[in-house]
PDB file of all heavy atoms in Angstrom:
ATOM      1  N   VAL A   1       6.811  17.751  82.713  1.00  0.00           N
ATOM      2  CA  VAL A   1       6.149  18.991  83.127  1.00  0.00           C
ATOM      3  C   VAL A   1       6.083  20.011  81.988  1.00  0.00           C
ATOM      4  O   VAL A   1       5.119  20.768  81.888  1.00  0.00           O
ATOM      5  CB  VAL A   1       6.874  19.594  84.354  1.00  0.00           C
ATOM      6  CG1 VAL A   1       6.243  20.912  84.771  1.00  0.00           C
ATOM      7  CG2 VAL A   1       6.843  18.608  85.521  1.00  0.00           C
ATOM      8  N   GLN A   2       7.101  20.015  81.118  1.00  0.00           N
ATOM      9  CA  GLN A   2       7.147  21.019  80.047  1.00  0.00           C
ATOM     10  C   GLN A   2       6.866  20.433  78.663  1.00  0.00           C
ATOM     11  O   GLN A   2       5.991  20.917  77.945  1.00  0.00           O
ATOM     12  CB  GLN A   2       8.529  21.694  80.031  1.00  0.00           C
ATOM     13  CG  GLN A   2       8.864  22.429  81.320  1.00  0.00           C
ATOM     14  CD  GLN A   2      10.242  23.061  81.268  1.00  0.00           C
ATOM     15  OE1 GLN A   2      10.732  23.451  80.214  1.00  0.00           O
ATOM     16  NE2 GLN A   2      10.905  23.140  82.413  1.00  0.00           N
ATOM     17  N   TYR A   3       7.609  19.371  78.291  1.00  0.00           N
ATOM     18  CA  TYR A   3       7.549  18.888  76.910  1.00  0.00           C
ATOM     19  C   TYR A   3       6.211  18.231  76.568  1.00  0.00           C
ATOM     20  O   TYR A   3       5.586  18.581  75.560  1.00  0.00           O
ATOM     21  CB  TYR A   3       8.700  17.921  76.652  1.00  0.00           C
ATOM     22  CG  TYR A   3       8.663  17.305  75.277  1.00  0.00           C
ATOM     23  CD1 TYR A   3       8.938  18.073  74.150  1.00  0.00           C
ATOM     24  CD2 TYR A   3       8.340  15.962  75.101  1.00  0.00           C
ATOM     25  CE1 TYR A   3       8.892  17.524  72.881  1.00  0.00           C
ATOM     26  CE2 TYR A   3       8.298  15.405  73.839  1.00  0.00           C
ATOM     27  CZ  TYR A   3       8.576  16.184  72.731  1.00  0.00           C
ATOM     28  OH  TYR A   3       8.520  15.629  71.479  1.00  0.00           O
ATOM     29  N   LEU A   4       5.761  17.281  77.370  1.00  0.00           N
ATOM     30  CA  LEU A   4       4.535  16.549  77.022  1.00  0.00           C
ATOM     31  C   LEU A   4       3.294  17.450  76.964  1.00  0.00           C
ATOM     32  O   LEU A   4       2.512  17.355  76.009  1.00  0.00           O
ATOM     33  CB  LEU A   4       4.318  15.390  77.998  1.00  0.00           C
ATOM     34  CG  LEU A   4       5.299  14.214  77.854  1.00  0.00           C
ATOM     35  CD1 LEU A   4       4.935  13.096  78.820  1.00  0.00           C
ATOM     36  CD2 LEU A   4       5.312  13.684  76.424  1.00  0.00           C
ATOM     37  N   PRO A   5       3.064  18.353  77.948  1.00  0.00           N
ATOM     38  CA  PRO A   5       1.916  19.272  77.810  1.00  0.00           C
ATOM     39  C   PRO A   5       2.020  20.153  76.565  1.00  0.00           C
ATOM     40  O   PRO A   5       1.018  20.406  75.890  1.00  0.00           O
ATOM     41  CB  PRO A   5       1.974  20.114  79.093  1.00  0.00           C
ATOM     42  CG  PRO A   5       2.714  19.271  80.069  1.00  0.00           C
ATOM     43  CD  PRO A   5       3.721  18.524  79.264  1.00  0.00           C
ATOM     44  N   GLN A   6       3.246  20.612  76.272  1.00  0.00           N
ATOM     45  CA  GLN A   6       3.418  21.455  75.087  1.00  0.00           C
ATOM     46  C   GLN A   6       3.189  20.663  73.816  1.00  0.00           C
ATOM     47  O   GLN A   6       2.704  21.192  72.810  1.00  0.00           O
ATOM     48  CB  GLN A   6       4.830  22.053  75.092  1.00  0.00           C
ATOM     49  CG  GLN A   6       5.052  23.137  74.053  1.00  0.00           C
ATOM     50  CD  GLN A   6       4.134  24.328  74.262  1.00  0.00           C
ATOM     51  OE1 GLN A   6       4.025  24.853  75.355  1.00  0.00           O
ATOM     52  NE2 GLN A   6       3.468  24.762  73.200  1.00  0.00           N
ATOM     53  N   LEU A   7       3.509  19.368  73.840  1.00  0.00           N
ATOM     54  CA  LEU A   7       3.271  18.514  72.682  1.00  0.00           C
ATOM     55  C   LEU A   7       1.777  18.416  72.375  1.00  0.00           C
ATOM     56  O   LEU A   7       1.363  18.444  71.212  1.00  0.00           O
ATOM     57  CB  LEU A   7       3.848  17.115  72.952  1.00  0.00           C
ATOM     58  CG  LEU A   7       3.989  16.178  71.754  1.00  0.00           C
ATOM     59  CD1 LEU A   7       4.944  16.763  70.719  1.00  0.00           C
ATOM     60  CD2 LEU A   7       4.478  14.812  72.217  1.00  0.00           C
ATOM     61  N   VAL A   8       0.965  18.319  73.422  1.00  0.00           N
ATOM     62  CA  VAL A   8      -0.493  18.287  73.241  1.00  0.00           C
ATOM     63  C   VAL A   8      -0.977  19.608  72.642  1.00  0.00           C
ATOM     64  O   VAL A   8      -1.771  19.631  71.692  1.00  0.00           O
ATOM     65  CB  VAL A   8      -1.194  18.015  74.587  1.00  0.00           C
ATOM     66  CG1 VAL A   8      -2.710  18.108  74.425  1.00  0.00           C
ATOM     67  CG2 VAL A   8      -0.812  16.636  75.116  1.00  0.00           C
ATOM     68  N   LEU A   9      -0.476  20.721  73.185  1.00  0.00           N
ATOM     69  CA  LEU A   9      -0.861  22.039  72.656  1.00  0.00           C
ATOM     70  C   LEU A   9      -0.449  22.202  71.194  1.00  0.00           C
ATOM     71  O   LEU A   9      -1.160  22.831  70.407  1.00  0.00           O
ATOM     72  CB  LEU A   9      -0.217  23.146  73.493  1.00  0.00           C
ATOM     73  CG  LEU A   9      -0.815  23.403  74.876  1.00  0.00           C
ATOM     74  CD1 LEU A   9      -0.011  24.468  75.602  1.00  0.00           C
ATOM     75  CD2 LEU A   9      -2.270  23.837  74.763  1.00  0.00           C
ATOM     76  N   SER A  10       0.706  21.632  70.828  1.00  0.00           N
ATOM     77  CA  SER A  10       1.202  21.789  69.459  1.00  0.00           C
ATOM     78  C   SER A  10       0.332  21.046  68.447  1.00  0.00           C
ATOM     79  O   SER A  10       0.419  21.307  67.243  1.00  0.00           O
ATOM     80  CB  SER A  10       2.648  21.295  69.359  1.00  0.00           C
ATOM     81  OG  SER A  10       2.698  19.889  69.479  1.00  0.00           O
ATOM     82  N   VAL A  11      -0.485  20.121  68.917  1.00  0.00           N
ATOM     83  CA  VAL A  11      -1.433  19.429  68.031  1.00  0.00           C
ATOM     84  C   VAL A  11      -2.786  20.140  68.025  1.00  0.00           C
ATOM     85  O   VAL A  11      -3.382  20.366  66.963  1.00  0.00           O
ATOM     86  CB  VAL A  11      -1.607  17.957  68.475  1.00  0.00           C
ATOM     87  CG1 VAL A  11      -2.680  17.275  67.638  1.00  0.00           C
ATOM     88  CG2 VAL A  11      -0.284  17.207  68.360  1.00  0.00           C
ATOM     89  N   VAL A  12      -3.247  20.534  69.211  1.00  0.00           N
ATOM     90  CA  VAL A  12      -4.605  21.087  69.350  1.00  0.00           C
ATOM     91  C   VAL A  12      -4.694  22.515  68.796  1.00  0.00           C
ATOM     92  O   VAL A  12      -5.604  22.835  68.029  1.00  0.00           O
ATOM     93  CB  VAL A  12      -5.046  21.055  70.830  1.00  0.00           C
ATOM     94  CG1 VAL A  12      -6.391  21.761  70.993  1.00  0.00           C
ATOM     95  CG2 VAL A  12      -5.133  19.620  71.321  1.00  0.00           C
ATOM     96  N   VAL A  13      -3.741  23.371  69.183  1.00  0.00           N
ATOM     97  CA  VAL A  13      -3.837  24.796  68.842  1.00  0.00           C
ATOM     98  C   VAL A  13      -3.738  25.048  67.328  1.00  0.00           C
ATOM     99  O   VAL A  13      -4.594  25.755  66.769  1.00  0.00           O
ATOM    100  CB  VAL A  13      -2.785  25.620  69.621  1.00  0.00           C
ATOM    101  CG1 VAL A  13      -2.776  27.072  69.140  1.00  0.00           C
ATOM    102  CG2 VAL A  13      -3.074  25.565  71.110  1.00  0.00           C
ATOM    103  N   PRO A  14      -2.728  24.508  66.606  1.00  0.00           N
ATOM    104  CA  PRO A  14      -2.686  24.755  65.159  1.00  0.00           C
ATOM    105  C   PRO A  14      -3.945  24.258  64.440  1.00  0.00           C
ATOM    106  O   PRO A  14      -4.420  24.916  63.504  1.00  0.00           O
ATOM    107  CB  PRO A  14      -1.447  23.965  64.697  1.00  0.00           C
ATOM    108  CG  PRO A  14      -0.581  23.906  65.897  1.00  0.00           C
ATOM    109  CD  PRO A  14      -1.524  23.770  67.056  1.00  0.00           C
ATOM    110  N   ALA A  15      -4.498  23.117  64.875  1.00  0.00           N
ATOM    111  CA  ALA A  15      -5.723  22.607  64.248  1.00  0.00           C
ATOM    112  C   ALA A  15      -6.884  23.575  64.466  1.00  0.00           C
ATOM    113  O   ALA A  15      -7.661  23.853  63.531  1.00  0.00           O
ATOM    114  CB  ALA A  15      -6.065  21.231  64.819  1.00  0.00           C
ATOM    115  N   ALA A  16      -6.997  24.114  65.672  1.00  0.00           N
ATOM    116  CA  ALA A  16      -8.072  25.067  65.970  1.00  0.00           C
ATOM    117  C   ALA A  16      -7.895  26.362  65.183  1.00  0.00           C
ATOM    118  O   ALA A  16      -8.865  26.925  64.653  1.00  0.00           O
ATOM    119  CB  ALA A  16      -8.095  25.355  67.472  1.00  0.00           C
ATOM    120  N   VAL A  17      -6.646  26.837  65.088  1.00  0.00           N
ATOM    121  CA  VAL A  17      -6.377  28.071  64.343  1.00  0.00           C
ATOM    122  C   VAL A  17      -6.683  27.880  62.858  1.00  0.00           C
ATOM    123  O   VAL A  17      -7.296  28.745  62.216  1.00  0.00           O
ATOM    124  CB  VAL A  17      -4.910  28.507  64.543  1.00  0.00           C
ATOM    125  CG1 VAL A  17      -4.556  29.657  63.585  1.00  0.00           C
ATOM    126  CG2 VAL A  17      -4.677  28.944  65.980  1.00  0.00           C
ATOM    127  N   LEU A  18      -6.266  26.740  62.300  1.00  0.00           N
ATOM    128  CA  LEU A  18      -6.544  26.468  60.890  1.00  0.00           C
ATOM    129  C   LEU A  18      -8.052  26.405  60.622  1.00  0.00           C
ATOM    130  O   LEU A  18      -8.529  26.906  59.596  1.00  0.00           O
ATOM    131  CB  LEU A  18      -5.887  25.150  60.467  1.00  0.00           C
ATOM    132  CG  LEU A  18      -4.405  25.212  60.104  1.00  0.00           C
ATOM    133  CD1 LEU A  18      -3.857  23.817  59.883  1.00  0.00           C
ATOM    134  CD2 LEU A  18      -4.177  26.067  58.861  1.00  0.00           C
ATOM    135  N   ALA A  19      -8.784  25.790  61.555  1.00  0.00           N
ATOM    136  CA  ALA A  19     -10.237  25.700  61.395  1.00  0.00           C
ATOM    137  C   ALA A  19     -10.865  27.089  61.372  1.00  0.00           C
ATOM    138  O   ALA A  19     -11.766  27.367  60.565  1.00  0.00           O
ATOM    139  CB  ALA A  19     -10.835  24.860  62.525  1.00  0.00           C
ATOM    140  N   ARG A  20     -10.379  27.977  62.239  1.00  0.00           N
ATOM    141  CA  ARG A  20     -10.918  29.344  62.275  1.00  0.00           C
ATOM    142  C   ARG A  20     -10.492  30.141  61.046  1.00  0.00           C
ATOM    143  O   ARG A  20     -11.296  30.886  60.467  1.00  0.00           O
ATOM    144  CB  ARG A  20     -10.444  30.054  63.549  1.00  0.00           C
ATOM    145  CG  ARG A  20     -10.955  31.472  63.688  1.00  0.00           C
ATOM    146  CD  ARG A  20     -12.461  31.496  63.865  1.00  0.00           C
ATOM    147  NE  ARG A  20     -12.950  32.866  63.991  1.00  0.00           N
ATOM    148  CZ  ARG A  20     -13.846  33.407  63.194  1.00  0.00           C
ATOM    149  NH1 ARG A  20     -14.375  32.691  62.208  1.00  0.00           N
ATOM    150  NH2 ARG A  20     -14.249  34.642  63.382  1.00  0.00           N
ATOM    151  N   LEU A  21      -9.234  29.981  60.625  1.00  0.00           N
ATOM    152  CA  LEU A  21      -8.771  30.691  59.433  1.00  0.00           C
ATOM    153  C   LEU A  21      -9.556  30.252  58.195  1.00  0.00           C
ATOM    154  O   LEU A  21      -9.801  31.062  57.291  1.00  0.00           O
ATOM    155  CB  LEU A  21      -7.273  30.435  59.213  1.00  0.00           C
ATOM    156  CG  LEU A  21      -6.297  31.120  60.162  1.00  0.00           C
ATOM    157  CD1 LEU A  21      -4.864  30.690  59.859  1.00  0.00           C
ATOM    158  CD2 LEU A  21      -6.419  32.635  60.086  1.00  0.00           C
ATOM    159  N   GLY A  22      -9.947  28.982  58.164  1.00  0.00           N
ATOM    160  CA  GLY A  22     -10.702  28.484  57.017  1.00  0.00           C
ATOM    161  C   GLY A  22     -12.025  29.190  56.817  1.00  0.00           C
ATOM    162  O   GLY A  22     -12.526  29.289  55.686  1.00  0.00           O
ATOM    163  N   THR A  23     -12.602  29.705  57.900  1.00  0.00           N
ATOM    164  CA  THR A  23     -13.869  30.438  57.795  1.00  0.00           C
ATOM    165  C   THR A  23     -13.654  31.900  57.423  1.00  0.00           C
ATOM    166  O   THR A  23     -14.619  32.600  57.107  1.00  0.00           O
ATOM    167  CB  THR A  23     -14.631  30.372  59.130  1.00  0.00           C
ATOM    168  OG1 THR A  23     -13.882  31.066  60.148  1.00  0.00           O
ATOM    169  CG2 THR A  23     -14.850  28.932  59.572  1.00  0.00           C
ATOM    170  N   LEU A  24     -12.402  32.373  57.468  1.00  0.00           N
ATOM    171  CA  LEU A  24     -12.118  33.785  57.209  1.00  0.00           C
ATOM    172  C   LEU A  24     -11.486  34.016  55.836  1.00  0.00           C
ATOM    173  O   LEU A  24     -11.899  34.904  55.094  1.00  0.00           O
ATOM    174  CB  LEU A  24     -11.168  34.327  58.292  1.00  0.00           C
ATOM    175  CG  LEU A  24     -11.714  34.397  59.719  1.00  0.00           C
ATOM    176  CD1 LEU A  24     -10.581  34.683  60.689  1.00  0.00           C
ATOM    177  CD2 LEU A  24     -12.784  35.481  59.833  1.00  0.00           C
ATOM    178  N   ASP A  25     -10.442  33.221  55.524  1.00  0.00           N
ATOM    179  CA  ASP A  25      -9.682  33.475  54.291  1.00  0.00           C
ATOM    180  C   ASP A  25      -9.015  32.178  53.837  1.00  0.00           C
ATOM    181  O   ASP A  25      -8.116  31.660  54.524  1.00  0.00           O
ATOM    182  CB  ASP A  25      -8.627  34.553  54.553  1.00  0.00           C
ATOM    183  CG  ASP A  25      -7.822  34.876  53.309  1.00  0.00           C
ATOM    184  OD1 ASP A  25      -8.363  34.770  52.201  1.00  0.00           O
ATOM    185  OD2 ASP A  25      -6.627  35.204  53.464  1.00  0.00           O
ATOM    186  N   LEU A  26      -9.425  31.666  52.700  1.00  0.00           N
ATOM    187  CA  LEU A  26      -8.923  30.388  52.200  1.00  0.00           C
ATOM    188  C   LEU A  26      -7.448  30.468  51.819  1.00  0.00           C
ATOM    189  O   LEU A  26      -6.672  29.542  52.086  1.00  0.00           O
ATOM    190  CB  LEU A  26      -9.755  29.938  50.999  1.00  0.00           C
ATOM    191  CG  LEU A  26      -9.437  28.535  50.450  1.00  0.00           C
ATOM    192  CD1 LEU A  26      -9.645  27.487  51.534  1.00  0.00           C
ATOM    193  CD2 LEU A  26     -10.287  28.230  49.225  1.00  0.00           C
ATOM    194  N   THR A  27      -7.025  31.574  51.227  1.00  0.00           N
ATOM    195  CA  THR A  27      -5.630  31.726  50.790  1.00  0.00           C
ATOM    196  C   THR A  27      -4.672  31.657  51.972  1.00  0.00           C
ATOM    197  O   THR A  27      -3.658  30.944  51.933  1.00  0.00           O
ATOM    198  CB  THR A  27      -5.434  33.055  50.046  1.00  0.00           C
ATOM    199  OG1 THR A  27      -6.344  33.127  48.952  1.00  0.00           O
ATOM    200  CG2 THR A  27      -4.008  33.180  49.532  1.00  0.00           C
ATOM    201  N   SER A  28      -4.997  32.402  53.028  1.00  0.00           N
ATOM    202  CA  SER A  28      -4.156  32.380  54.224  1.00  0.00           C
ATOM    203  C   SER A  28      -4.133  30.994  54.862  1.00  0.00           C
ATOM    204  O   SER A  28      -3.098  30.533  55.349  1.00  0.00           O
ATOM    205  CB  SER A  28      -4.662  33.406  55.243  1.00  0.00           C
ATOM    206  OG  SER A  28      -4.600  34.709  54.715  1.00  0.00           O
ATOM    207  N   THR A  29      -5.278  30.330  54.838  1.00  0.00           N
ATOM    208  CA  THR A  29      -5.357  28.971  55.402  1.00  0.00           C
ATOM    209  C   THR A  29      -4.435  28.023  54.646  1.00  0.00           C
ATOM    210  O   THR A  29      -3.733  27.201  55.258  1.00  0.00           O
ATOM    211  CB  THR A  29      -6.808  28.445  55.334  1.00  0.00           C
ATOM    212  OG1 THR A  29      -7.677  29.391  55.964  1.00  0.00           O
ATOM    213  CG2 THR A  29      -6.934  27.110  56.028  1.00  0.00           C
ATOM    214  N   VAL A  30      -4.411  28.132  53.317  1.00  0.00           N
ATOM    215  CA  VAL A  30      -3.547  27.269  52.502  1.00  0.00           C
ATOM    216  C   VAL A  30      -2.069  27.550  52.803  1.00  0.00           C
ATOM    217  O   VAL A  30      -1.257  26.626  52.947  1.00  0.00           O
ATOM    218  CB  VAL A  30      -3.849  27.471  51.007  1.00  0.00           C
ATOM    219  CG1 VAL A  30      -2.798  26.766  50.143  1.00  0.00           C
ATOM    220  CG2 VAL A  30      -5.240  26.946  50.677  1.00  0.00           C
ATOM    221  N   ILE A  31      -1.705  28.847  52.912  1.00  0.00           N
ATOM    222  CA  ILE A  31      -0.308  29.213  53.201  1.00  0.00           C
ATOM    223  C   ILE A  31       0.129  28.619  54.538  1.00  0.00           C
ATOM    224  O   ILE A  31       1.206  28.019  54.655  1.00  0.00           O
ATOM    225  CB  ILE A  31      -0.131  30.743  53.205  1.00  0.00           C
ATOM    226  CG1 ILE A  31      -0.338  31.308  51.797  1.00  0.00           C
ATOM    227  CG2 ILE A  31       1.259  31.130  53.719  1.00  0.00           C
ATOM    228  CD1 ILE A  31      -0.353  32.831  51.735  1.00  0.00           C
ATOM    229  N   VAL A  32      -0.720  28.790  55.562  1.00  0.00           N
ATOM    230  CA  VAL A  32      -0.381  28.260  56.887  1.00  0.00           C
ATOM    231  C   VAL A  32      -0.314  26.734  56.855  1.00  0.00           C
ATOM    232  O   VAL A  32       0.596  26.125  57.423  1.00  0.00           O
ATOM    233  CB  VAL A  32      -1.410  28.740  57.939  1.00  0.00           C
ATOM    234  CG1 VAL A  32      -1.152  28.057  59.284  1.00  0.00           C
ATOM    235  CG2 VAL A  32      -1.341  30.251  58.107  1.00  0.00           C
ATOM    236  N   ALA A  33      -1.268  26.096  56.172  1.00  0.00           N
ATOM    237  CA  ALA A  33      -1.310  24.626  56.120  1.00  0.00           C
ATOM    238  C   ALA A  33      -0.085  24.061  55.397  1.00  0.00           C
ATOM    239  O   ALA A  33       0.408  22.982  55.756  1.00  0.00           O
ATOM    240  CB  ALA A  33      -2.583  24.164  55.424  1.00  0.00           C
ATOM    241  N   VAL A  34       0.437  24.781  54.404  1.00  0.00           N
ATOM    242  CA  VAL A  34       1.603  24.303  53.650  1.00  0.00           C
ATOM    243  C   VAL A  34       2.897  24.521  54.438  1.00  0.00           C
ATOM    244  O   VAL A  34       3.792  23.659  54.444  1.00  0.00           O
ATOM    245  CB  VAL A  34       1.677  25.004  52.277  1.00  0.00           C
ATOM    246  CG1 VAL A  34       3.014  24.719  51.588  1.00  0.00           C
ATOM    247  CG2 VAL A  34       0.532  24.527  51.396  1.00  0.00           C
ATOM    248  N   THR A  35       3.022  25.685  55.088  1.00  0.00           N
ATOM    249  CA  THR A  35       4.278  26.010  55.788  1.00  0.00           C
ATOM    250  C   THR A  35       4.358  25.382  57.180  1.00  0.00           C
ATOM    251  O   THR A  35       5.460  25.157  57.690  1.00  0.00           O
ATOM    252  CB  THR A  35       4.440  27.536  55.923  1.00  0.00           C
ATOM    253  OG1 THR A  35       3.281  28.090  56.591  1.00  0.00           O
ATOM    254  CG2 THR A  35       4.577  28.188  54.550  1.00  0.00           C
ATOM    255  N   LEU A  36       3.234  25.088  57.790  1.00  0.00           N
ATOM    256  CA  LEU A  36       3.221  24.543  59.149  1.00  0.00           C
ATOM    257  C   LEU A  36       4.005  23.232  59.276  1.00  0.00           C
ATOM    258  O   LEU A  36       4.786  23.075  60.225  1.00  0.00           O
ATOM    259  CB  LEU A  36       1.774  24.353  59.606  1.00  0.00           C
ATOM    260  CG  LEU A  36       1.489  24.417  61.113  1.00  0.00           C
ATOM    261  CD1 LEU A  36       2.002  25.716  61.713  1.00  0.00           C
ATOM    262  CD2 LEU A  36      -0.016  24.290  61.355  1.00  0.00           C
ATOM    263  N   PRO A  37       3.850  22.264  58.354  1.00  0.00           N
ATOM    264  CA  PRO A  37       4.602  20.999  58.505  1.00  0.00           C
ATOM    265  C   PRO A  37       6.114  21.153  58.385  1.00  0.00           C
ATOM    266  O   PRO A  37       6.856  20.252  58.780  1.00  0.00           O
ATOM    267  CB  PRO A  37       4.066  20.132  57.348  1.00  0.00           C
ATOM    268  CG  PRO A  37       2.751  20.733  56.986  1.00  0.00           C
ATOM    269  CD  PRO A  37       2.897  22.193  57.237  1.00  0.00           C
ATOM    270  N   LEU A  38       6.587  22.284  57.822  1.00  0.00           N
ATOM    271  CA  LEU A  38       8.030  22.478  57.689  1.00  0.00           C
ATOM    272  C   LEU A  38       8.705  22.556  59.058  1.00  0.00           C
ATOM    273  O   LEU A  38       9.851  22.113  59.215  1.00  0.00           O
ATOM    274  CB  LEU A  38       8.323  23.758  56.898  1.00  0.00           C
ATOM    275  CG  LEU A  38       7.885  23.761  55.430  1.00  0.00           C
ATOM    276  CD1 LEU A  38       8.154  25.125  54.808  1.00  0.00           C
ATOM    277  CD2 LEU A  38       8.603  22.663  54.655  1.00  0.00           C
ATOM    278  N   ILE A  39       8.005  23.118  60.051  1.00  0.00           N
ATOM    279  CA  ILE A  39       8.601  23.267  61.376  1.00  0.00           C
ATOM    280  C   ILE A  39       8.855  21.906  62.027  1.00  0.00           C
ATOM    281  O   ILE A  39       9.971  21.644  62.504  1.00  0.00           O
ATOM    282  CB  ILE A  39       7.726  24.177  62.268  1.00  0.00           C
ATOM    283  CG1 ILE A  39       7.726  25.602  61.694  1.00  0.00           C
ATOM    284  CG2 ILE A  39       8.232  24.173  63.708  1.00  0.00           C
ATOM    285  CD1 ILE A  39       6.935  26.601  62.483  1.00  0.00           C
ATOM    286  N   PRO A  40       7.864  20.972  62.057  1.00  0.00           N
ATOM    287  CA  PRO A  40       8.177  19.640  62.610  1.00  0.00           C
ATOM    288  C   PRO A  40       9.282  18.903  61.850  1.00  0.00           C
ATOM    289  O   PRO A  40      10.070  18.183  62.462  1.00  0.00           O
ATOM    290  CB  PRO A  40       6.844  18.891  62.482  1.00  0.00           C
ATOM    291  CG  PRO A  40       5.808  19.947  62.447  1.00  0.00           C
ATOM    292  CD  PRO A  40       6.440  21.100  61.759  1.00  0.00           C
TER     293      PRO A  40
END
């Protein structure tokens, strides 16, 4: 009920956010893309 749905969100949401950030600011997108894998 909690873990599996959140696991799906943890894949979909960061990808969508990165895609949107890429259209706004490349530097911020790179920072997020580099630091994001540290959490997993």
